[in-house]
Protein backbone atom coordinates (compact mmCIF):
# COMPACT_ATOMS: atom_id res chain seq x y z
CA UNK A 1 0.00 0.00 0.00
CA UNK A 2 1.36 3.40 -1.03
CA UNK A 3 1.77 6.04 1.63
CA UNK A 4 2.81 9.21 -0.13
CA UNK A 5 4.19 11.79 2.29
CA UNK A 6 3.02 15.36 1.93
CA UNK A 7 4.25 17.39 4.88
CA UNK A 8 1.60 19.94 5.81
CA UNK A 9 1.38 22.95 8.05
CA UNK A 10 -1.46 25.37 8.59
CA UNK A 11 0.14 28.78 9.20
CA UNK A 12 3.16 30.52 7.67
CA UNK A 13 4.60 33.82 8.82
CA UNK A 14 5.97 35.40 5.66
CA UNK A 15 8.53 38.20 5.74
CA UNK A 16 7.92 40.03 2.47
CA UNK A 17 9.65 42.65 0.41
CA UNK A 18 12.47 40.43 -0.87
CA UNK A 19 12.82 39.32 -4.52
CA UNK A 20 12.48 35.60 -5.22
CA UNK A 21 15.56 34.45 -7.10
CA UNK A 22 16.60 30.94 -8.08
CA UNK A 23 15.46 27.74 -9.76
CA UNK A 24 12.51 25.44 -9.06
CA UNK A 25 11.04 22.43 -10.89
CA UNK A 26 7.47 21.63 -11.90
CA UNK A 27 6.35 18.08 -12.67
CA UNK A 28 3.16 16.45 -13.93
CA UNK A 29 0.05 18.62 -14.27
CA UNK A 30 -2.36 18.31 -11.35
CA UNK A 31 -5.28 18.57 -13.78
CA UNK A 32 -4.07 15.52 -15.71
CA UNK A 33 -2.33 13.28 -13.18
CA UNK A 34 -5.42 12.51 -11.07
CA UNK A 35 -7.46 11.69 -14.21
CA UNK A 36 -4.75 9.41 -15.58
CA UNK A 37 -4.74 7.62 -12.22
CA UNK A 38 -8.50 7.06 -12.54
CA UNK A 39 -8.02 5.79 -16.10
CA UNK A 40 -5.89 2.93 -14.69
CA UNK A 41 -9.18 1.43 -13.42
CA UNK A 42 -10.21 0.79 -17.03
CA UNK A 43 -7.21 -1.36 -17.93
CA UNK A 44 -6.76 -5.08 -17.58
CA UNK A 45 -3.05 -4.71 -16.97
CA UNK A 46 -0.58 -2.68 -14.94
CA UNK A 47 -0.25 1.05 -15.61
CA UNK A 48 2.75 3.26 -14.92
CA UNK A 49 2.52 7.02 -14.50
CA UNK A 50 5.77 9.00 -14.33
CA UNK A 51 6.61 12.52 -13.23
CA UNK A 52 3.88 12.43 -10.58
CA UNK A 53 4.04 15.40 -8.19
CA UNK A 54 3.82 14.91 -4.43
CA UNK A 55 0.57 16.79 -3.88
CA UNK A 56 -2.44 16.10 -1.69
CA UNK A 57 -4.72 15.30 -4.65
CA UNK A 58 -2.45 12.42 -5.66
CA UNK A 59 -2.56 11.04 -2.13
CA UNK A 60 -6.38 11.26 -2.09
CA UNK A 61 -6.83 9.53 -5.45
CA UNK A 62 -4.30 6.83 -4.49
CA UNK A 63 -6.38 6.16 -1.38
CA UNK A 64 -9.61 5.99 -3.38
CA UNK A 65 -8.08 3.52 -5.83
CA UNK A 66 -6.79 1.37 -2.97
CA UNK A 67 -10.25 1.38 -1.38
CA UNK A 68 -11.51 -0.14 -4.64
CA UNK A 69 -8.87 -2.86 -4.68
CA UNK A 70 -6.27 -1.25 -6.95
CA UNK A 71 -2.70 -1.94 -5.79
CA UNK A 72 -0.80 1.36 -5.85
CA UNK A 73 2.96 1.38 -5.39
CA UNK A 74 6.02 3.48 -6.08
CA UNK A 75 7.91 2.55 -9.24
CA UNK A 76 11.61 2.18 -9.89
CA UNK A 77 11.89 5.71 -11.30
CA UNK A 78 11.61 8.84 -9.17
CA UNK A 79 8.07 10.18 -9.35
CA UNK A 80 6.62 6.96 -10.81
CA UNK A 81 3.43 5.33 -9.55
CA UNK A 82 2.36 1.82 -10.54
CA UNK A 83 -1.32 0.76 -10.61
CA UNK A 84 -2.49 -2.86 -10.68
CA UNK A 85 -6.32 -3.05 -11.09
CA UNK A 86 -6.50 -6.87 -11.11
CA UNK A 87 -8.58 -7.08 -7.93
CA UNK A 88 -10.99 -4.17 -8.32
CA UNK A 89 -13.91 -4.49 -5.90
CA UNK A 90 -16.72 -2.50 -4.36
CA UNK A 91 -15.60 -0.20 -1.55
CA UNK A 92 -17.52 0.47 1.65
CA UNK A 93 -19.64 3.62 1.53
CA UNK A 94 -18.30 4.95 4.84
CA UNK A 95 -14.70 4.50 3.73
CA UNK A 96 -15.24 6.40 0.48
CA UNK A 97 -17.08 9.19 2.26
CA UNK A 98 -14.39 9.55 4.93
CA UNK A 99 -11.55 9.51 2.44
CA UNK A 100 -12.94 11.65 -0.38
CA UNK A 101 -15.26 14.12 1.24
CA UNK A 102 -12.95 17.03 0.40
CA UNK A 103 -12.31 16.03 -3.23
CA UNK A 104 -14.35 16.21 -6.42
CA UNK A 105 -12.41 13.39 -8.08
CA UNK A 106 -14.84 10.57 -7.04
CA UNK A 107 -17.38 11.61 -9.68
CA UNK A 108 -14.85 10.64 -12.37
CA UNK A 109 -14.57 7.10 -11.00
CA UNK A 110 -18.18 6.44 -12.05
CA UNK A 111 -17.61 5.38 -15.66
CA UNK A 112 -14.67 3.07 -14.94
CA UNK A 113 -16.43 1.50 -11.94
CA UNK A 114 -19.65 0.97 -13.89
CA UNK A 115 -17.64 -0.91 -16.52
CA UNK A 116 -15.71 -2.96 -13.96
CA UNK A 117 -18.33 -3.58 -11.26
CA UNK A 118 -21.67 -2.45 -12.66
CA UNK A 119 -22.10 0.08 -9.84
CA UNK A 120 -20.50 3.08 -8.15
CA UNK A 121 -21.06 5.24 -5.07
CA UNK A 122 -20.28 8.94 -4.94
CA UNK A 123 -20.35 10.88 -1.62
CA UNK A 124 -21.11 14.58 -1.29
CA UNK A 125 -18.41 16.40 -3.25
CA UNK A 126 -16.07 19.05 -1.89
CA UNK A 127 -13.43 21.07 -3.71
CA UNK A 128 -12.63 24.77 -3.85
CA UNK A 129 -15.56 27.16 -3.39
CA UNK A 130 -14.87 29.37 -6.40
CA UNK A 131 -18.22 29.06 -8.13
CA UNK A 132 -20.90 26.66 -9.22
CA UNK A 133 -19.46 23.38 -10.48
CA UNK A 134 -22.63 21.32 -10.69
CA UNK A 135 -22.44 17.56 -11.06
CA UNK A 136 -25.71 17.48 -12.96
CA UNK A 137 -23.68 17.57 -16.19
CA UNK A 138 -21.94 14.39 -15.05
CA UNK A 139 -25.17 12.68 -14.00
CA UNK A 140 -26.93 13.59 -17.25
CA UNK A 141 -24.00 12.15 -19.19
CA UNK A 142 -24.07 8.89 -17.24
CA UNK A 143 -27.83 8.58 -17.73
CA UNK A 144 -27.42 9.03 -21.48
CA UNK A 145 -24.98 6.11 -21.49
CA UNK A 146 -27.67 4.03 -19.76
CA UNK A 147 -26.74 4.35 -16.09
CA UNK A 148 -29.39 4.58 -13.37
CA UNK A 149 -28.78 7.23 -10.71
CA UNK A 150 -30.31 6.84 -7.25
CA UNK A 151 -29.93 9.88 -4.98
CA UNK A 152 -29.76 8.95 -1.30
CA UNK A 153 -28.95 10.97 1.85
CA UNK A 154 -25.39 9.63 2.00
CA UNK A 155 -24.66 10.31 -1.66
CA UNK A 156 -25.30 8.93 -5.14
CA UNK A 157 -25.68 5.24 -5.95
CA UNK A 158 -25.18 4.64 -9.68
CA UNK A 159 -25.89 1.34 -11.47
CA UNK A 160 -25.43 -0.06 -14.96
CA UNK A 161 -28.15 -2.71 -15.45
CA UNK A 162 -26.48 -3.68 -18.73
CA UNK A 163 -23.42 -2.64 -20.71
CA UNK A 164 -23.30 1.12 -21.21
CA UNK A 165 -24.16 2.28 -24.72
CA UNK A 166 -22.49 4.95 -26.85
CA UNK A 167 -24.49 8.12 -27.31
CA UNK A 168 -24.50 11.59 -28.86
CA UNK A 169 -24.05 14.53 -26.51
CA UNK A 170 -23.61 18.28 -26.73
CA UNK A 171 -22.47 20.25 -23.71
CA UNK A 172 -24.06 23.64 -22.99
CA UNK A 173 -20.59 24.79 -21.92
CA UNK A 174 -17.21 23.17 -22.73
CA UNK A 175 -16.76 21.81 -19.20
CA UNK A 176 -13.41 20.13 -18.54
CA UNK A 177 -14.80 17.79 -15.90
CA UNK A 178 -17.75 16.67 -18.00
CA UNK A 179 -15.52 16.10 -21.04
CA UNK A 180 -13.31 13.90 -18.86
CA UNK A 181 -16.40 12.02 -17.68
CA UNK A 182 -17.45 11.33 -21.26
CA UNK A 183 -13.98 10.11 -22.24
CA UNK A 184 -13.59 7.81 -19.23
CA UNK A 185 -17.07 6.36 -19.81
CA UNK A 186 -17.26 6.17 -23.61
CA UNK A 187 -14.02 4.27 -24.23
CA UNK A 188 -15.58 0.99 -23.08
CA UNK A 189 -19.22 1.69 -23.92
CA UNK A 190 -20.75 -0.24 -26.79
CA UNK A 191 -20.84 1.68 -30.06
CA UNK A 192 -19.93 5.21 -31.05
CA UNK A 193 -20.04 8.27 -28.78
CA UNK A 194 -19.99 11.77 -30.23
CA UNK A 195 -19.38 14.74 -27.96
CA UNK A 196 -19.93 18.27 -29.23
CA UNK A 197 -18.75 21.49 -27.55
CA UNK A 198 -16.08 19.50 -25.72
CA UNK A 199 -13.26 21.00 -23.70
CA UNK A 200 -9.94 20.82 -25.56
CA UNK A 201 -7.46 21.89 -22.86
CA UNK A 202 -3.92 20.44 -23.13
CA UNK A 203 -4.71 18.22 -20.14
CA UNK A 204 -7.71 16.81 -22.03
CA UNK A 205 -5.52 16.06 -25.03
CA UNK A 206 -3.03 14.35 -22.72
CA UNK A 207 -5.80 12.23 -21.18
CA UNK A 208 -6.80 11.21 -24.72
CA UNK A 209 -3.16 10.20 -25.29
CA UNK A 210 -3.27 8.03 -22.15
CA UNK A 211 -6.49 6.33 -23.27
CA UNK A 212 -5.17 5.78 -26.77
CA UNK A 213 -2.12 4.04 -25.32
CA UNK A 214 -4.57 1.74 -23.51
CA UNK A 215 -6.28 0.80 -26.78
CA UNK A 216 -9.04 3.41 -27.05
CA UNK A 217 -10.10 4.82 -30.43
CA UNK A 218 -10.67 8.58 -30.12
CA UNK A 219 -10.71 11.20 -32.86
CA UNK A 220 -10.50 14.95 -32.27
CA UNK A 221 -12.38 16.83 -34.96
CA UNK A 222 -12.69 20.55 -35.61
CA UNK A 223 -15.12 22.74 -33.70
CA UNK A 224 -14.72 20.91 -30.37
CA UNK A 225 -16.07 17.55 -31.52
CA UNK A 226 -14.76 14.29 -30.04
CA UNK A 227 -15.69 10.86 -31.41
CA UNK A 228 -15.01 7.75 -29.33
CA UNK A 229 -15.46 4.22 -30.64
CA UNK A 230 -16.05 1.92 -27.70
CA UNK A 231 -13.86 -1.17 -27.31
CA UNK A 232 -14.37 -4.38 -25.36
CA UNK A 233 -11.17 -4.17 -23.31
CA UNK A 234 -8.25 -1.87 -22.55
CA UNK A 235 -4.70 -2.57 -21.43
CA UNK A 236 -2.47 -0.70 -19.00
CA UNK A 237 -0.31 2.25 -20.03
CA UNK A 238 3.07 3.86 -19.45
CA UNK A 239 2.88 7.63 -19.59
CA UNK A 240 4.69 10.80 -18.60
CA UNK A 241 2.17 13.66 -18.33
CA UNK A 242 2.61 17.20 -19.53
CA UNK A 243 4.09 19.41 -16.85
CA UNK A 244 1.93 21.75 -14.78
CA UNK A 245 1.37 24.96 -16.73
CA UNK A 246 -0.71 26.43 -13.88
CA UNK A 247 2.07 26.07 -11.34
CA UNK A 248 4.61 27.44 -13.83
CA UNK A 249 2.43 30.52 -14.43
CA UNK A 250 1.99 31.00 -10.69
CA UNK A 251 5.75 31.13 -10.10
CA UNK A 252 6.10 33.52 -13.05
CA UNK A 253 3.65 35.90 -11.35
CA UNK A 254 5.63 35.52 -8.11
CA UNK A 255 8.79 36.57 -9.96
CA UNK A 256 6.98 39.62 -11.35
CA UNK A 257 5.31 40.71 -8.10
CA UNK A 258 8.50 40.42 -6.01
CA UNK A 259 10.79 41.86 -8.72
CA UNK A 260 12.58 38.54 -8.72
CA UNK A 261 14.09 36.19 -11.28
CA UNK A 262 12.86 32.58 -11.33
CA UNK A 263 13.88 29.74 -13.63
CA UNK A 264 11.03 27.21 -13.81
CA UNK A 265 12.51 23.92 -14.92
CA UNK A 266 9.85 21.83 -16.64
CA UNK A 267 7.80 24.81 -17.85
CA UNK A 268 6.76 24.23 -21.47
CA UNK A 269 6.22 26.99 -24.02
CA UNK A 270 3.53 25.32 -26.23
CA UNK A 271 1.07 24.89 -23.33
CA UNK A 272 1.83 28.39 -22.00
CA UNK A 273 1.72 30.55 -25.14
CA UNK A 274 -1.43 32.42 -24.10
CA UNK A 275 0.03 33.13 -20.65
CA UNK A 276 3.38 34.20 -22.09
CA UNK A 277 1.73 36.74 -24.37
CA UNK A 278 -0.08 38.33 -21.42
CA UNK A 279 3.02 38.19 -19.23
CA UNK A 280 4.98 40.10 -21.88
CA UNK A 281 2.19 42.67 -22.31
CA UNK A 282 2.34 43.69 -18.65
CA UNK A 283 6.12 44.14 -18.75
CA UNK A 284 7.23 40.65 -17.81
CA UNK A 285 10.16 39.03 -19.58
CA UNK A 286 10.94 35.39 -20.23
CA UNK A 287 13.58 33.23 -21.82
CA UNK A 288 12.80 29.75 -23.13
CA UNK A 289 15.33 26.92 -23.37
CA UNK A 290 15.10 23.15 -23.80
CA UNK A 291 14.54 22.48 -20.10
CA UNK A 292 12.29 25.29 -18.92
CA UNK A 293 11.50 29.00 -18.86
CA UNK A 294 13.13 31.85 -16.94
CA UNK A 295 10.77 34.64 -15.75
CA UNK A 296 11.54 38.14 -14.52
CA UNK A 297 10.24 41.72 -14.68
CA UNK A 298 11.60 44.07 -17.34
CA UNK A 299 12.67 47.32 -15.67
CA UNK A 300 9.97 49.85 -14.73
CA UNK A 301 7.92 49.63 -17.92
CA UNK A 302 5.04 47.64 -16.48
CA UNK A 303 1.76 48.20 -18.30
CA UNK A 304 -1.91 47.59 -17.58
CA UNK A 305 -4.21 45.51 -19.79
CA UNK A 306 -7.76 44.32 -20.42
CA UNK A 307 -8.14 40.55 -20.07
CA UNK A 308 -10.91 37.97 -20.23
CA UNK A 309 -10.50 34.44 -18.93
CA UNK A 310 -11.85 31.72 -21.20
CA UNK A 311 -11.70 28.03 -22.00
CA UNK A 312 -8.70 26.84 -24.00
CA UNK A 313 -7.15 28.30 -26.09
CA UNK A 314 -8.08 31.40 -24.11
CA UNK A 315 -6.42 32.67 -20.93
CA UNK A 316 -7.20 30.00 -18.35
CA UNK A 317 -9.05 30.91 -15.18
CA UNK A 318 -6.43 29.23 -12.95
CA UNK A 319 -3.86 31.80 -14.11
CA UNK A 320 -6.17 34.71 -13.26
CA UNK A 321 -5.68 34.90 -9.49
CA UNK A 322 -1.86 35.00 -9.39
CA UNK A 323 -1.94 37.41 -12.34
CA UNK A 324 -4.18 39.83 -10.40
CA UNK A 325 -1.50 40.04 -7.70
CA UNK A 326 1.07 40.84 -10.39
CA UNK A 327 -1.26 43.49 -11.86
CA UNK A 328 -1.32 45.36 -8.53
CA UNK A 329 2.33 46.13 -9.31
CA UNK A 330 1.74 47.48 -12.86
CA UNK A 331 1.11 51.09 -13.88
CA UNK A 332 -2.44 52.17 -14.75
CA UNK A 333 -5.81 50.44 -14.63
CA UNK A 334 -6.15 46.78 -15.57
CA UNK A 335 -9.53 45.17 -16.23
CA UNK A 336 -10.27 41.49 -15.63
CA UNK A 337 -13.43 39.76 -16.87
CA UNK A 338 -13.82 36.28 -15.34
CA UNK A 339 -16.04 34.10 -17.55
CA UNK A 340 -15.37 30.59 -16.18
CA UNK A 341 -16.08 30.69 -12.41
CA UNK A 342 -18.52 33.33 -11.22
CA UNK A 343 -17.08 33.74 -7.70
CA UNK A 344 -13.38 33.50 -8.41
CA UNK A 345 -12.74 37.21 -7.85
CA UNK A 346 -13.89 37.03 -4.24
CA UNK A 347 -10.29 36.47 -3.18
CA UNK A 348 -9.48 40.14 -3.94
CA UNK A 349 -11.01 41.26 -0.62
CA UNK A 350 -7.88 40.15 1.24
CA UNK A 351 -5.66 41.92 -1.30
CA UNK A 352 -7.57 45.14 -0.58
CA UNK A 353 -6.90 44.60 3.12
CA UNK A 354 -3.21 44.52 2.18
CA UNK A 355 -3.42 47.90 0.45
CA UNK A 356 -4.75 47.13 -3.01
CA UNK A 357 -7.81 49.05 -4.27
CA UNK A 358 -9.47 46.47 -6.51
CA UNK A 359 -13.11 47.17 -7.39
CA UNK A 360 -15.52 44.39 -8.40
CA UNK A 361 -18.46 44.76 -10.79
CA UNK A 362 -21.49 42.73 -11.84
CA UNK A 363 -21.22 43.97 -15.42
CA UNK A 364 -19.25 42.14 -18.10
CA UNK A 365 -16.24 44.45 -18.46
CA UNK A 366 -14.94 42.68 -21.53
CA UNK A 367 -15.38 42.51 -25.26
CA UNK A 368 -18.41 40.24 -25.03
CA UNK A 369 -21.18 39.50 -22.58
CA UNK A 370 -20.71 36.17 -20.77
CA UNK A 371 -23.08 33.68 -19.15
CA UNK A 372 -22.70 35.46 -15.78
CA UNK A 373 -23.91 38.83 -17.06
CA UNK A 374 -27.13 40.15 -15.50
CA UNK A 375 -26.99 37.40 -12.86
CA UNK A 376 -25.76 39.45 -9.91
CA UNK A 377 -22.27 37.89 -9.82
CA UNK A 378 -19.23 40.10 -9.11
CA UNK A 379 -17.23 38.66 -11.99
CA UNK A 380 -15.35 41.69 -13.34
CA UNK A 381 -12.54 43.63 -11.65
CA UNK A 382 -10.70 46.90 -12.10
CA UNK A 383 -7.16 46.68 -10.71
CA UNK A 384 -5.30 49.99 -10.19
CA UNK A 385 -1.56 50.04 -9.81
CA UNK A 386 1.12 50.22 -8.80
CA UNK A 387 0.09 49.53 -5.20
CA UNK A 388 2.39 49.19 -2.23
CA UNK A 389 1.17 46.09 -0.41
CA UNK A 390 1.57 45.81 3.36
CA UNK A 391 1.52 42.83 5.70
CA UNK A 392 -1.75 41.41 7.00
CA UNK A 393 -3.47 38.41 8.54
CA UNK A 394 -4.95 36.44 5.63
CA UNK A 395 -6.70 33.09 5.28
CA UNK A 396 -6.42 30.87 2.23
CA UNK A 397 -9.84 30.64 0.48
CA UNK A 398 -9.06 28.06 -2.21
CA UNK A 399 -6.12 26.45 -3.99
CA UNK A 400 -5.22 29.12 -6.57
CA UNK A 401 -6.35 31.99 -4.38
CA UNK A 402 -4.18 30.57 -1.61
CA UNK A 403 -1.02 30.60 -3.67
CA UNK A 404 -1.93 34.10 -4.85
CA UNK A 405 -2.13 35.24 -1.22
CA UNK A 406 1.29 33.72 -0.69
CA UNK A 407 2.62 35.78 -3.62
CA UNK A 408 1.04 38.91 -2.15
CA UNK A 409 2.61 38.22 1.26
CA UNK A 410 6.01 37.73 -0.37
CA UNK A 411 5.65 41.05 -2.23
CA UNK A 412 4.32 43.01 0.77
CA UNK A 413 6.35 44.98 3.28
CA UNK A 414 6.43 43.45 6.74
CA UNK A 415 5.43 40.08 8.18
CA UNK A 416 2.14 38.50 7.11
CA UNK A 417 0.48 35.50 8.74
CA UNK A 418 -1.07 33.24 6.11
CA UNK A 419 -3.58 30.75 7.57
CA UNK A 420 -4.80 27.55 5.93
CA UNK A 421 -1.76 27.04 3.72
CA UNK A 422 -2.22 23.26 3.88
CA UNK A 423 -4.80 23.73 1.09
CA UNK A 424 -1.98 24.87 -1.21
CA UNK A 425 -0.52 21.34 -1.05
CA UNK A 426 -3.46 20.15 -3.17
CA UNK A 427 -1.75 21.51 -6.29
CA UNK A 428 1.73 22.86 -5.49
CA UNK A 429 4.35 20.21 -4.89
CA UNK A 430 6.76 20.86 -2.01
CA UNK A 431 6.10 24.59 -2.24
CA UNK A 432 7.96 25.29 1.01
CA UNK A 433 11.08 23.62 -0.38
CA UNK A 434 10.71 25.79 -3.46
CA UNK A 435 10.35 28.91 -1.33
CA UNK A 436 13.61 27.93 0.37
CA UNK A 437 15.31 27.50 -3.01
CA UNK A 438 14.18 31.01 -4.01
CA UNK A 439 15.41 32.68 -0.85
CA UNK A 440 12.00 33.42 0.66
CA UNK A 441 11.94 34.39 4.32
CA UNK A 442 9.21 32.68 6.32
CA UNK A 443 8.55 30.69 9.48
CA UNK A 444 6.33 27.69 10.11
CA UNK A 445 3.85 27.88 12.98
């Protein structure tokens, strides 16, 4: 049984005002690794996943797989996990609920478990409170494949009375999670599945690569259309995921906000082109080589901008929060229009307590109206700068907002106390070790 160690602490006292300088490494993308781990349930052989980061989400998914009889072990290579699904079995409801109550990953186990066992149980789902992420998309998808969903007080009991059947679906919004659900369910359903308005993020394409290695037949057509031909059986896989573009962008924003110079080993230009364009527009500089990307701030010529988050290939929402901290250090007024998660700008309240003067608006302050317009959500922001940030007591609200608060504390003058930093371990591998490597000054409480 695997016992991945992720050292956690709850409070950091951060002494800010010092530039972050040095080199850190990013490994497999959080938004792919956990899904590739789930995919191992579909195979009839051993799977090997390499470059796996030591983050809390990996520990949670490993535990869920073990509860269902999957043998999870460390491989011979650093960062490799090995999955043997030979003895997949039904897990006890209480065990699943206790282990996964804080994670949204269990919903993605449904398709694989329905194929392997004919049933699945999903407890109440947790995750970051950044906006509505309804599971009704997932449940509607499963029903269209032929699953029967029974809602009970303790959670959802899902059954497949017979083999799941391929179907035609069109998503009202290109949801990443729902696209993953369709892929993980359709690959072993009988017949052809066609998904329109699918998400096409790099992590989705990498999941398709994993499934294709296992024997799946998946075509990616133009205009967000995926076609999956179901097969009777899948094998295991050996795969090294794309590296984490969200973490790389977060450290780039930290370099900008602290006037530092950070080399992010493992950062990849193709997956980060949209971010790199924006980073350059605000006065950031970068240098790409074969192993990673170096980020720093170019003199005093920082500039404001107007930006809308969007699904890929747009500017991803997970880059938005660390970028807002960087924008507090630019000259002029920047405008952010968040179109993916309606409540993601709520984290700016703490930045204002640190000296920023960010104003939130219900209107769509972008080129186009979005689905949150006229719905009373504060989903647009005006960010004046440059702002001198000062130390404060702040509490981590969610994963990306938490790292953004850490950036703000590192850029601020004085000593800030950041509470709830254990949440950052969900997606940032050994971030305290990386702070040490960059010369950050902090203390653990």
